């Protein structure tokens, strides 16, 4: 599984890294950083939860 991230859409709500801190992190301005190019199987559920809760739809999961 991969995560598609549209950085220009992210405004830093922080829902992704609050729900899935092992998958997402924040930069100095609070914008999302995706920790993995390919998400490990044990973190896929977290990755989906973080992406699904992004209000700007800046994150998408690709199987």
C-alpha atoms as a PDB file:
ATOM      1  CA  UNK A   1       0.000   0.000   0.000  1.00  0.00           C
ATOM      2  CA  UNK A   2       1.137   3.539  -0.799  1.00  0.00           C
ATOM      3  CA  UNK A   3      -0.101   6.918   0.342  1.00  0.00           C
ATOM      4  CA  UNK A   4      -0.654   9.729  -2.134  1.00  0.00           C
ATOM      5  CA  UNK A   5      -0.140  13.112  -0.489  1.00  0.00           C
ATOM      6  CA  UNK A   6      -1.046  16.461  -2.042  1.00  0.00           C
ATOM      7  CA  UNK A   7       1.096  18.844   0.014  1.00  0.00           C
ATOM      8  CA  UNK A   8      -0.493  21.970  -1.450  1.00  0.00           C
ATOM      9  CA  UNK A   9      -3.899  20.872  -0.073  1.00  0.00           C
ATOM     10  CA  UNK A  10      -2.666  20.306   3.500  1.00  0.00           C
ATOM     11  CA  UNK A  11      -3.429  23.142   5.916  1.00  0.00           C
ATOM     12  CA  UNK A  12      -2.209  21.415   9.077  1.00  0.00           C
ATOM     13  CA  UNK A  13      -5.334  20.252  10.902  1.00  0.00           C
ATOM     14  CA  UNK A  14      -3.244  17.380  12.308  1.00  0.00           C
ATOM     15  CA  UNK A  15      -5.908  14.697  12.239  1.00  0.00           C
ATOM     16  CA  UNK A  16      -3.696  12.343  10.249  1.00  0.00           C
ATOM     17  CA  UNK A  17      -0.791  12.326  12.704  1.00  0.00           C
ATOM     18  CA  UNK A  18      -3.103  12.444  15.725  1.00  0.00           C
ATOM     19  CA  UNK A  19      -4.829   9.245  14.569  1.00  0.00           C
ATOM     20  CA  UNK A  20      -1.805   7.505  13.064  1.00  0.00           C
ATOM     21  CA  UNK A  21       1.446   8.845  14.558  1.00  0.00           C
ATOM     22  CA  UNK A  22       3.423   5.837  13.336  1.00  0.00           C
ATOM     23  CA  UNK A  23       2.482   6.637   9.724  1.00  0.00           C
ATOM     24  CA  UNK A  24       2.248  10.452   9.654  1.00  0.00           C
ATOM     25  CA  UNK A  25       4.280  13.194  11.292  1.00  0.00           C
ATOM     26  CA  UNK A  26       4.265  16.995  11.203  1.00  0.00           C
ATOM     27  CA  UNK A  27       6.743  19.542   9.951  1.00  0.00           C
ATOM     28  CA  UNK A  28       7.546  22.759  11.826  1.00  0.00           C
ATOM     29  CA  UNK A  29       4.353  24.416  10.537  1.00  0.00           C
ATOM     30  CA  UNK A  30       2.117  21.467  11.474  1.00  0.00           C
ATOM     31  CA  UNK A  31       1.725  20.157   7.943  1.00  0.00           C
ATOM     32  CA  UNK A  32       1.725  16.439   7.247  1.00  0.00           C
ATOM     33  CA  UNK A  33       4.818  14.371   6.568  1.00  0.00           C
ATOM     34  CA  UNK A  34       4.273  10.812   5.353  1.00  0.00           C
ATOM     35  CA  UNK A  35       6.796   8.526   7.058  1.00  0.00           C
ATOM     36  CA  UNK A  36       6.696   5.664   4.526  1.00  0.00           C
ATOM     37  CA  UNK A  37       6.870   5.414   0.755  1.00  0.00           C
ATOM     38  CA  UNK A  38       5.338   1.944   1.100  1.00  0.00           C
ATOM     39  CA  UNK A  39       3.274   1.382   4.257  1.00  0.00           C
ATOM     40  CA  UNK A  40       4.104  -1.803   6.209  1.00  0.00           C
ATOM     41  CA  UNK A  41       1.147  -4.196   6.428  1.00  0.00           C
ATOM     42  CA  UNK A  42       0.842  -3.791  10.201  1.00  0.00           C
ATOM     43  CA  UNK A  43       0.282  -0.021   9.782  1.00  0.00           C
ATOM     44  CA  UNK A  44      -2.203  -0.099   6.903  1.00  0.00           C
ATOM     45  CA  UNK A  45      -5.253   0.342   9.146  1.00  0.00           C
ATOM     46  CA  UNK A  46      -3.703   3.434  10.739  1.00  0.00           C
ATOM     47  CA  UNK A  47      -2.763   4.819   7.321  1.00  0.00           C
ATOM     48  CA  UNK A  48      -6.352   4.430   6.121  1.00  0.00           C
ATOM     49  CA  UNK A  49      -7.751   6.091   9.261  1.00  0.00           C
ATOM     50  CA  UNK A  50      -5.452   9.081   8.938  1.00  0.00           C
ATOM     51  CA  UNK A  51      -6.219   9.535   5.244  1.00  0.00           C
ATOM     52  CA  UNK A  52      -9.966   9.137   5.731  1.00  0.00           C
ATOM     53  CA  UNK A  53     -10.025  11.882   8.373  1.00  0.00           C
ATOM     54  CA  UNK A  54      -8.211  14.557   6.374  1.00  0.00           C
ATOM     55  CA  UNK A  55     -10.729  17.412   5.919  1.00  0.00           C
ATOM     56  CA  UNK A  56      -8.976  18.622   2.758  1.00  0.00           C
ATOM     57  CA  UNK A  57      -8.606  15.129   1.222  1.00  0.00           C
ATOM     58  CA  UNK A  58      -4.874  15.774   0.917  1.00  0.00           C
ATOM     59  CA  UNK A  59      -4.199  12.082   1.606  1.00  0.00           C
ATOM     60  CA  UNK A  60      -5.328   9.045  -0.330  1.00  0.00           C
ATOM     61  CA  UNK A  61      -4.482   5.373   0.039  1.00  0.00           C
ATOM     62  CA  UNK A  62      -3.452   3.376  -3.028  1.00  0.00           C
ATOM     63  CA  UNK A  63      -3.464  -0.398  -2.753  1.00  0.00           C
END
